[in-house]
Amino acid sequence: PYDLQVLSGLSSTEKSKHVLIVQDPFTSYYDADVVEDFVKLVKKLGMHPVLLPFKPNGKAQHIKGFLRQFKDTAADTAKFLAMVADLDIPLVGVDPALVLCYRDEYAEVLGSKRGDFDVLTAHEWLYPRLEAFEVAKQRENQEPWYLFAHCTEKTKMPNAEKEWGAIFAHFGAVLNTVPVGCCGMAGTFGHEVDKLSMSKDIYNLSWKPNLDKLDNERCLITGYSCRSQVKRFEGTKPKHPVQALLTLV
């Protein structure tokens, strides 16, 4: 459990074994298995996960143009995250679009008042630390996994797919990147009744053709919005890459 006083009292060596998990509203409230499995993964890797208290991210406010309200939300959450960042323990979130919101939209509306903190995506936390984790042998005759990355993740972090591939290789698995564009959800766009048809048309351009020819149980999707789009059009519940890693470690 999160206890600022206890965490503050840890030695630097003890802190290096801890991970602070930053919750986002969509994953925590609508796809909580992903957060739970990330906690389990961190434990299996020999680290101590600490789930931070939920603080609103404000991404939905920004998308819908409620910029004054978003600025208030961002200021409050940034103040909390900057305080926690003083512990010098990594902050990690599981949804790339929400993590990137802390870097881009927060900086845009808060400027120098944003404070000094950095929230990492799961792959940004795992990739530089691979040497600390035991290498697994390549599994014989194992089906590859397939990565469907979030479009914001791909544009803002062009090495994301390559780094996810290296992470899976370290743990003895093959991860192939699937070349897809936007899934058609585009934040809240796909949830609007009058946009449903267009959202589905966009989904059918690249996501559906690729999913139709692959084993959906082996398809891994980083973005919550993309997973929810697949769930409603295919009737399946896709996994996040950290959930597949949990089975490999």
C-alpha atoms as a PDB file:
ATOM      1  CA  PRO A   1       0.000   0.000   0.000  1.00  0.00           C
ATOM      2  CA  TYR A   2       1.024   3.589  -0.631  1.00  0.00           C
ATOM      3  CA  ASP A   3       2.504   5.258   2.442  1.00  0.00           C
ATOM      4  CA  LEU A   4       4.560   8.350   1.672  1.00  0.00           C
ATOM      5  CA  GLN A   5       6.254   8.355   5.071  1.00  0.00           C
ATOM      6  CA  VAL A   6       7.348   4.718   4.770  1.00  0.00           C
ATOM      7  CA  LEU A   7       8.563   5.197   1.191  1.00  0.00           C
ATOM      8  CA  SER A   8      10.484   8.332   2.177  1.00  0.00           C
ATOM      9  CA  GLY A   9      12.329   6.347   4.831  1.00  0.00           C
ATOM     10  CA  LEU A  10      13.651   3.713   2.421  1.00  0.00           C
ATOM     11  CA  SER A  11      17.350   3.608   1.589  1.00  0.00           C
ATOM     12  CA  SER A  12      18.409   4.306  -2.003  1.00  0.00           C
ATOM     13  CA  THR A  13      19.050   0.562  -2.460  1.00  0.00           C
ATOM     14  CA  GLU A  14      15.544  -0.279  -1.253  1.00  0.00           C
ATOM     15  CA  LYS A  15      14.047   2.425  -3.465  1.00  0.00           C
ATOM     16  CA  SER A  16      15.762   0.919  -6.510  1.00  0.00           C
ATOM     17  CA  LYS A  17      13.667  -2.215  -5.932  1.00  0.00           C
ATOM     18  CA  HIS A  18      10.361  -0.326  -5.911  1.00  0.00           C
ATOM     19  CA  VAL A  19       8.023   0.782  -8.696  1.00  0.00           C
ATOM     20  CA  LEU A  20       5.230   3.338  -8.296  1.00  0.00           C
ATOM     21  CA  ILE A  21       2.279   2.497 -10.539  1.00  0.00           C
ATOM     22  CA  VAL A  22       0.329   5.502 -11.802  1.00  0.00           C
ATOM     23  CA  GLN A  23      -3.321   4.684 -12.415  1.00  0.00           C
ATOM     24  CA  ASP A  24      -5.353   6.007 -15.331  1.00  0.00           C
ATOM     25  CA  PRO A  25      -9.162   6.179 -15.339  1.00  0.00           C
ATOM     26  CA  PHE A  26      -9.807   3.939 -18.334  1.00  0.00           C
ATOM     27  CA  THR A  27      -7.574   0.995 -17.460  1.00  0.00           C
ATOM     28  CA  SER A  28      -8.226   1.084 -13.707  1.00  0.00           C
ATOM     29  CA  TYR A  29     -12.001   1.372 -14.020  1.00  0.00           C
ATOM     30  CA  TYR A  30     -12.777  -0.557 -17.214  1.00  0.00           C
ATOM     31  CA  ASP A  31      -9.857  -2.969 -17.706  1.00  0.00           C
ATOM     32  CA  ALA A  32      -8.495  -3.455 -14.199  1.00  0.00           C
ATOM     33  CA  ASP A  33      -7.070  -6.901 -15.045  1.00  0.00           C
ATOM     34  CA  VAL A  34      -4.269  -5.112 -16.902  1.00  0.00           C
ATOM     35  CA  VAL A  35      -3.249  -3.136 -13.813  1.00  0.00           C
ATOM     36  CA  GLU A  36      -3.517  -6.228 -11.614  1.00  0.00           C
ATOM     37  CA  ASP A  37      -1.382  -8.261 -14.022  1.00  0.00           C
ATOM     38  CA  PHE A  38       1.228  -5.500 -14.211  1.00  0.00           C
ATOM     39  CA  VAL A  39       1.444  -5.558 -10.404  1.00  0.00           C
ATOM     40  CA  LYS A  40       1.946  -9.346 -10.589  1.00  0.00           C
ATOM     41  CA  LEU A  41       4.590  -8.957 -13.308  1.00  0.00           C
ATOM     42  CA  VAL A  42       6.567  -6.437 -11.255  1.00  0.00           C
ATOM     43  CA  LYS A  43       6.492  -8.863  -8.310  1.00  0.00           C
ATOM     44  CA  LYS A  44       7.617 -11.803 -10.467  1.00  0.00           C
ATOM     45  CA  LEU A  45      10.541  -9.691 -11.633  1.00  0.00           C
ATOM     46  CA  GLY A  46      11.632  -9.380  -8.007  1.00  0.00           C
ATOM     47  CA  MET A  47      10.489  -5.800  -7.495  1.00  0.00           C
ATOM     48  CA  HIS A  48       8.038  -4.170  -5.096  1.00  0.00           C
ATOM     49  CA  PRO A  49       5.041  -2.536  -6.837  1.00  0.00           C
ATOM     50  CA  VAL A  50       3.190   0.285  -5.089  1.00  0.00           C
ATOM     51  CA  LEU A  51      -0.172   1.311  -6.530  1.00  0.00           C
ATOM     52  CA  LEU A  52      -0.513   5.069  -6.183  1.00  0.00           C
ATOM     53  CA  PRO A  53      -3.879   6.558  -5.190  1.00  0.00           C
ATOM     54  CA  PHE A  54      -6.006   7.335  -8.235  1.00  0.00           C
ATOM     55  CA  LYS A  55      -5.693  10.893  -9.497  1.00  0.00           C
ATOM     56  CA  PRO A  56      -7.684  12.111 -12.537  1.00  0.00           C
ATOM     57  CA  ASN A  57      -5.579  12.454 -15.675  1.00  0.00           C
ATOM     58  CA  GLY A  58      -7.875  14.894 -17.481  1.00  0.00           C
ATOM     59  CA  LYS A  59      -7.258  13.525 -20.992  1.00  0.00           C
ATOM     60  CA  ALA A  60     -10.998  13.308 -21.748  1.00  0.00           C
ATOM     61  CA  GLN A  61     -11.494  16.937 -20.690  1.00  0.00           C
ATOM     62  CA  HIS A  62      -8.714  17.997 -23.057  1.00  0.00           C
ATOM     63  CA  ILE A  63     -10.124  15.959 -25.965  1.00  0.00           C
ATOM     64  CA  LYS A  64     -13.567  17.538 -25.580  1.00  0.00           C
ATOM     65  CA  GLY A  65     -12.182  21.067 -25.294  1.00  0.00           C
ATOM     66  CA  PHE A  66     -12.849  21.712 -21.601  1.00  0.00           C
ATOM     67  CA  LEU A  67      -9.463  23.377 -21.305  1.00  0.00           C
ATOM     68  CA  ARG A  68     -10.109  25.414 -18.158  1.00  0.00           C
ATOM     69  CA  GLN A  69     -11.272  22.321 -16.285  1.00  0.00           C
ATOM     70  CA  PHE A  70      -8.392  20.325 -17.759  1.00  0.00           C
ATOM     71  CA  LYS A  71      -5.886  22.884 -16.514  1.00  0.00           C
ATOM     72  CA  ASP A  72      -7.301  22.577 -12.973  1.00  0.00           C
ATOM     73  CA  THR A  73      -7.158  18.771 -13.131  1.00  0.00           C
ATOM     74  CA  ALA A  74      -3.631  18.813 -14.551  1.00  0.00           C
ATOM     75  CA  ALA A  75      -2.391  21.264 -11.915  1.00  0.00           C
ATOM     76  CA  ASP A  76      -3.734  19.133  -9.063  1.00  0.00           C
ATOM     77  CA  THR A  77      -2.418  15.833 -10.437  1.00  0.00           C
ATOM     78  CA  ALA A  78       0.945  17.317 -11.453  1.00  0.00           C
ATOM     79  CA  LYS A  79       1.413  18.647  -7.922  1.00  0.00           C
ATOM     80  CA  PHE A  80       0.857  15.139  -6.528  1.00  0.00           C
ATOM     81  CA  LEU A  81       3.120  13.422  -9.075  1.00  0.00           C
ATOM     82  CA  ALA A  82       5.913  15.973  -8.587  1.00  0.00           C
ATOM     83  CA  MET A  83       5.755  15.350  -4.840  1.00  0.00           C
ATOM     84  CA  VAL A  84       5.911  11.572  -5.332  1.00  0.00           C
ATOM     85  CA  ALA A  85       8.729  11.941  -7.881  1.00  0.00           C
ATOM     86  CA  ASP A  86      10.900  13.403  -5.109  1.00  0.00           C
ATOM     87  CA  LEU A  87      11.111   9.851  -3.736  1.00  0.00           C
ATOM     88  CA  ASP A  88      13.349   8.979  -6.714  1.00  0.00           C
ATOM     89  CA  ILE A  89      11.374   5.800  -7.448  1.00  0.00           C
ATOM     90  CA  PRO A  90      10.242   5.125 -11.050  1.00  0.00           C
ATOM     91  CA  LEU A  91       6.686   6.165 -11.913  1.00  0.00           C
ATOM     92  CA  VAL A  92       5.068   3.833 -14.472  1.00  0.00           C
ATOM     93  CA  GLY A  93       1.691   3.830 -16.238  1.00  0.00           C
ATOM     94  CA  VAL A  94       0.237   1.110 -18.476  1.00  0.00           C
ATOM     95  CA  ASP A  95      -1.621   3.206 -21.073  1.00  0.00           C
ATOM     96  CA  PRO A  96       0.668   5.027 -23.523  1.00  0.00           C
ATOM     97  CA  ALA A  97      -1.762   7.807 -24.506  1.00  0.00           C
ATOM     98  CA  LEU A  98      -2.460   8.692 -20.878  1.00  0.00           C
ATOM     99  CA  VAL A  99       1.234   8.576 -19.935  1.00  0.00           C
ATOM    100  CA  LEU A 100       2.091  10.833 -22.868  1.00  0.00           C
ATOM    101  CA  CYS A 101      -0.597  13.270 -21.733  1.00  0.00           C
ATOM    102  CA  TYR A 102       1.546  14.022 -18.662  1.00  0.00           C
ATOM    103  CA  ARG A 103       4.400  15.041 -20.974  1.00  0.00           C
ATOM    104  CA  ASP A 104       2.630  16.908 -23.732  1.00  0.00           C
ATOM    105  CA  GLU A 105      -0.773  18.290 -22.740  1.00  0.00           C
ATOM    106  CA  TYR A 106       0.336  18.958 -19.149  1.00  0.00           C
ATOM    107  CA  ALA A 107       3.382  20.896 -20.359  1.00  0.00           C
ATOM    108  CA  GLU A 108       1.186  22.754 -22.848  1.00  0.00           C
ATOM    109  CA  VAL A 109      -1.291  24.081 -20.260  1.00  0.00           C
ATOM    110  CA  LEU A 110       0.938  24.318 -17.173  1.00  0.00           C
ATOM    111  CA  GLY A 111       4.269  25.380 -18.641  1.00  0.00           C
ATOM    112  CA  SER A 112       6.907  25.781 -15.919  1.00  0.00           C
ATOM    113  CA  LYS A 113       4.248  25.110 -13.260  1.00  0.00           C
ATOM    114  CA  ARG A 114       4.014  21.467 -14.355  1.00  0.00           C
ATOM    115  CA  GLY A 115       6.770  20.495 -11.928  1.00  0.00           C
ATOM    116  CA  ASP A 116       9.581  17.984 -12.302  1.00  0.00           C
ATOM    117  CA  PHE A 117       8.319  14.433 -12.765  1.00  0.00           C
ATOM    118  CA  ASP A 118       8.448  11.768 -15.446  1.00  0.00           C
ATOM    119  CA  VAL A 119       5.938   8.942 -15.844  1.00  0.00           C
ATOM    120  CA  LEU A 120       7.225   6.029 -17.937  1.00  0.00           C
ATOM    121  CA  THR A 121       5.255   3.618 -20.092  1.00  0.00           C
ATOM    122  CA  ALA A 122       5.651  -0.073 -19.264  1.00  0.00           C
ATOM    123  CA  HIS A 123       8.124  -0.643 -22.085  1.00  0.00           C
ATOM    124  CA  GLU A 124      10.148   2.460 -21.181  1.00  0.00           C
ATOM    125  CA  TRP A 125      10.561   1.076 -17.685  1.00  0.00           C
ATOM    126  CA  LEU A 126      11.334  -2.505 -18.737  1.00  0.00           C
ATOM    127  CA  TYR A 127      13.663  -1.966 -21.700  1.00  0.00           C
ATOM    128  CA  PRO A 128      16.640  -0.245 -19.966  1.00  0.00           C
ATOM    129  CA  ARG A 129      16.418  -2.706 -17.069  1.00  0.00           C
ATOM    130  CA  LEU A 130      16.493  -5.957 -19.051  1.00  0.00           C
ATOM    131  CA  GLU A 131      20.030  -6.802 -17.928  1.00  0.00           C
ATOM    132  CA  ALA A 132      18.771  -7.003 -14.345  1.00  0.00           C
ATOM    133  CA  PHE A 133      16.227  -9.676 -15.272  1.00  0.00           C
ATOM    134  CA  GLU A 134      17.112 -13.291 -16.000  1.00  0.00           C
ATOM    135  CA  VAL A 135      17.295 -14.146 -19.696  1.00  0.00           C
ATOM    136  CA  ALA A 136      14.937 -16.903 -20.826  1.00  0.00           C
ATOM    137  CA  LYS A 137      15.820 -19.415 -23.533  1.00  0.00           C
ATOM    138  CA  GLN A 138      13.963 -19.197 -26.828  1.00  0.00           C
ATOM    139  CA  ARG A 139      10.918 -21.449 -26.550  1.00  0.00           C
ATOM    140  CA  GLU A 140      10.810 -24.238 -29.151  1.00  0.00           C
ATOM    141  CA  ASN A 141       7.976 -24.190 -31.698  1.00  0.00           C
ATOM    142  CA  GLN A 142       6.200 -21.372 -29.916  1.00  0.00           C
ATOM    143  CA  GLU A 143       3.735 -19.265 -31.852  1.00  0.00           C
ATOM    144  CA  PRO A 144       4.801 -15.629 -32.102  1.00  0.00           C
ATOM    145  CA  TRP A 145       2.923 -12.823 -30.417  1.00  0.00           C
ATOM    146  CA  TYR A 146       1.629  -9.876 -32.441  1.00  0.00           C
ATOM    147  CA  LEU A 147       1.876  -6.255 -31.342  1.00  0.00           C
ATOM    148  CA  PHE A 148      -0.770  -3.675 -32.255  1.00  0.00           C
ATOM    149  CA  ALA A 149       0.621  -0.405 -30.916  1.00  0.00           C
ATOM    150  CA  HIS A 150      -1.371   2.745 -30.169  1.00  0.00           C
ATOM    151  CA  CYS A 151      -0.963   5.359 -32.923  1.00  0.00           C
ATOM    152  CA  THR A 152       0.004   8.111 -30.457  1.00  0.00           C
ATOM    153  CA  GLU A 153       2.621   5.776 -28.999  1.00  0.00           C
ATOM    154  CA  LYS A 154       4.073   5.081 -32.448  1.00  0.00           C
ATOM    155  CA  THR A 155       4.329   8.743 -33.439  1.00  0.00           C
ATOM    156  CA  LYS A 156       5.634  10.067 -30.114  1.00  0.00           C
ATOM    157  CA  MET A 157       7.886   7.071 -29.348  1.00  0.00           C
ATOM    158  CA  PRO A 158       9.107   5.709 -32.703  1.00  0.00           C
ATOM    159  CA  ASN A 159      11.281   3.058 -31.023  1.00  0.00           C
ATOM    160  CA  ALA A 160       8.405   1.621 -28.975  1.00  0.00           C
ATOM    161  CA  GLU A 161       7.679  -1.370 -31.220  1.00  0.00           C
ATOM    162  CA  LYS A 162      11.366  -2.280 -31.536  1.00  0.00           C
ATOM    163  CA  GLU A 163      11.834  -2.033 -27.764  1.00  0.00           C
ATOM    164  CA  TRP A 164       8.761  -4.174 -27.069  1.00  0.00           C
ATOM    165  CA  GLY A 165      10.271  -6.749 -29.439  1.00  0.00           C
ATOM    166  CA  ALA A 166      13.562  -6.715 -27.524  1.00  0.00           C
ATOM    167  CA  ILE A 167      11.714  -7.136 -24.217  1.00  0.00           C
ATOM    168  CA  PHE A 168       9.859 -10.210 -25.483  1.00  0.00           C
ATOM    169  CA  ALA A 169      13.061 -11.646 -26.993  1.00  0.00           C
ATOM    170  CA  HIS A 170      14.771 -11.271 -23.607  1.00  0.00           C
ATOM    171  CA  PHE A 171      12.074 -13.448 -22.079  1.00  0.00           C
ATOM    172  CA  GLY A 172      12.307 -16.073 -24.817  1.00  0.00           C
ATOM    173  CA  ALA A 173       9.419 -15.073 -27.067  1.00  0.00           C
ATOM    174  CA  VAL A 174       8.950 -13.629 -30.543  1.00  0.00           C
ATOM    175  CA  LEU A 175       6.882 -10.457 -30.922  1.00  0.00           C
ATOM    176  CA  ASN A 176       5.992  -9.374 -34.437  1.00  0.00           C
ATOM    177  CA  THR A 177       4.853  -5.812 -35.084  1.00  0.00           C
ATOM    178  CA  VAL A 178       1.602  -5.492 -37.034  1.00  0.00           C
ATOM    179  CA  PRO A 179       1.508  -2.413 -39.314  1.00  0.00           C
ATOM    180  CA  VAL A 180      -1.807  -0.755 -38.466  1.00  0.00           C
ATOM    181  CA  GLY A 181      -3.054   2.816 -38.514  1.00  0.00           C
ATOM    182  CA  CYS A 182      -5.710   4.353 -36.288  1.00  0.00           C
ATOM    183  CA  CYS A 183      -8.208   1.877 -34.824  1.00  0.00           C
ATOM    184  CA  GLY A 184     -11.031   4.390 -35.280  1.00  0.00           C
ATOM    185  CA  MET A 185     -11.736   5.038 -31.617  1.00  0.00           C
ATOM    186  CA  ALA A 186      -9.610   8.208 -31.524  1.00  0.00           C
ATOM    187  CA  GLY A 187     -10.222   9.102 -27.899  1.00  0.00           C
ATOM    188  CA  THR A 188     -13.963   9.609 -27.391  1.00  0.00           C
ATOM    189  CA  PHE A 189     -14.712   9.994 -31.134  1.00  0.00           C
ATOM    190  CA  GLY A 190     -15.730   6.364 -31.631  1.00  0.00           C
ATOM    191  CA  HIS A 191     -18.065   6.445 -28.640  1.00  0.00           C
ATOM    192  CA  GLU A 192     -20.287   9.127 -30.186  1.00  0.00           C
ATOM    193  CA  VAL A 193     -23.431   7.698 -31.814  1.00  0.00           C
ATOM    194  CA  ASP A 194     -23.192   9.830 -34.948  1.00  0.00           C
ATOM    195  CA  LYS A 195     -19.536   8.843 -35.440  1.00  0.00           C
ATOM    196  CA  LEU A 196     -20.029   5.062 -35.083  1.00  0.00           C
ATOM    197  CA  SER A 197     -20.199   4.332 -38.812  1.00  0.00           C
ATOM    198  CA  MET A 198     -17.060   6.351 -39.579  1.00  0.00           C
ATOM    199  CA  SER A 199     -15.278   4.801 -36.596  1.00  0.00           C
ATOM    200  CA  LYS A 200     -16.045   1.319 -37.925  1.00  0.00           C
ATOM    201  CA  ASP A 201     -14.912   2.270 -41.446  1.00  0.00           C
ATOM    202  CA  ILE A 202     -11.549   3.423 -40.058  1.00  0.00           C
ATOM    203  CA  TYR A 203     -11.264   0.210 -38.016  1.00  0.00           C
ATOM    204  CA  ASN A 204     -11.960  -1.854 -41.143  1.00  0.00           C
ATOM    205  CA  LEU A 205      -9.085  -0.217 -43.051  1.00  0.00           C
ATOM    206  CA  SER A 206      -6.199  -1.902 -41.225  1.00  0.00           C
ATOM    207  CA  TRP A 207      -7.209  -3.338 -37.861  1.00  0.00           C
ATOM    208  CA  LYS A 208      -9.911  -5.782 -38.920  1.00  0.00           C
ATOM    209  CA  PRO A 209      -8.023  -7.288 -41.904  1.00  0.00           C
ATOM    210  CA  ASN A 210      -5.005  -7.993 -39.704  1.00  0.00           C
ATOM    211  CA  LEU A 211      -7.005  -9.388 -36.790  1.00  0.00           C
ATOM    212  CA  ASP A 212      -8.991 -11.621 -39.160  1.00  0.00           C
ATOM    213  CA  LYS A 213      -5.858 -13.423 -40.303  1.00  0.00           C
ATOM    214  CA  LEU A 214      -4.222 -13.810 -36.879  1.00  0.00           C
ATOM    215  CA  ASP A 215      -4.970 -15.783 -33.726  1.00  0.00           C
ATOM    216  CA  ASN A 216      -6.602 -13.084 -31.603  1.00  0.00           C
ATOM    217  CA  GLU A 217      -5.350 -14.798 -28.431  1.00  0.00           C
ATOM    218  CA  ARG A 218      -1.817 -13.915 -29.574  1.00  0.00           C
ATOM    219  CA  CYS A 219      -2.621 -10.298 -30.445  1.00  0.00           C
ATOM    220  CA  LEU A 220      -1.402  -7.737 -27.909  1.00  0.00           C
ATOM    221  CA  ILE A 221      -2.723  -4.187 -27.830  1.00  0.00           C
ATOM    222  CA  THR A 222      -1.096  -1.413 -25.790  1.00  0.00           C
ATOM    223  CA  GLY A 223      -3.888   1.186 -25.869  1.00  0.00           C
ATOM    224  CA  TYR A 224      -7.068   0.914 -23.812  1.00  0.00           C
ATOM    225  CA  SER A 225      -9.086   2.700 -26.515  1.00  0.00           C
ATOM    226  CA  CYS A 226      -7.830   0.243 -29.151  1.00  0.00           C
ATOM    227  CA  ARG A 227      -8.650  -2.763 -26.949  1.00  0.00           C
ATOM    228  CA  SER A 228     -12.161  -1.424 -26.350  1.00  0.00           C
ATOM    229  CA  GLN A 229     -12.636  -0.938 -30.107  1.00  0.00           C
ATOM    230  CA  VAL A 230     -11.608  -4.541 -30.809  1.00  0.00           C
ATOM    231  CA  LYS A 231     -13.819  -5.778 -27.981  1.00  0.00           C
ATOM    232  CA  ARG A 232     -16.951  -4.141 -29.366  1.00  0.00           C
ATOM    233  CA  PHE A 233     -16.412  -5.113 -33.013  1.00  0.00           C
ATOM    234  CA  GLU A 234     -14.922  -8.597 -32.534  1.00  0.00           C
ATOM    235  CA  GLY A 235     -16.475  -9.627 -29.216  1.00  0.00           C
ATOM    236  CA  THR A 236     -13.057 -10.620 -27.839  1.00  0.00           C
ATOM    237  CA  LYS A 237     -11.053  -9.209 -24.945  1.00  0.00           C
ATOM    238  CA  PRO A 238      -7.512  -8.477 -26.161  1.00  0.00           C
ATOM    239  CA  LYS A 239      -4.497  -8.539 -23.860  1.00  0.00           C
ATOM    240  CA  HIS A 240      -1.993  -5.803 -23.084  1.00  0.00           C
ATOM    241  CA  PRO A 241       1.664  -6.847 -23.696  1.00  0.00           C
ATOM    242  CA  VAL A 242       2.378  -6.905 -19.935  1.00  0.00           C
ATOM    243  CA  GLN A 243      -0.249  -9.648 -19.582  1.00  0.00           C
ATOM    244  CA  ALA A 244       1.596 -11.847 -22.074  1.00  0.00           C
ATOM    245  CA  LEU A 245       4.902 -11.128 -20.328  1.00  0.00           C
ATOM    246  CA  LEU A 246       3.386 -12.347 -17.081  1.00  0.00           C
ATOM    247  CA  THR A 247       3.027 -15.808 -18.672  1.00  0.00           C
ATOM    248  CA  LEU A 248       6.644 -15.747 -19.895  1.00  0.00           C
ATOM    249  CA  VAL A 249       8.536 -14.649 -16.784  1.00  0.00           C
END
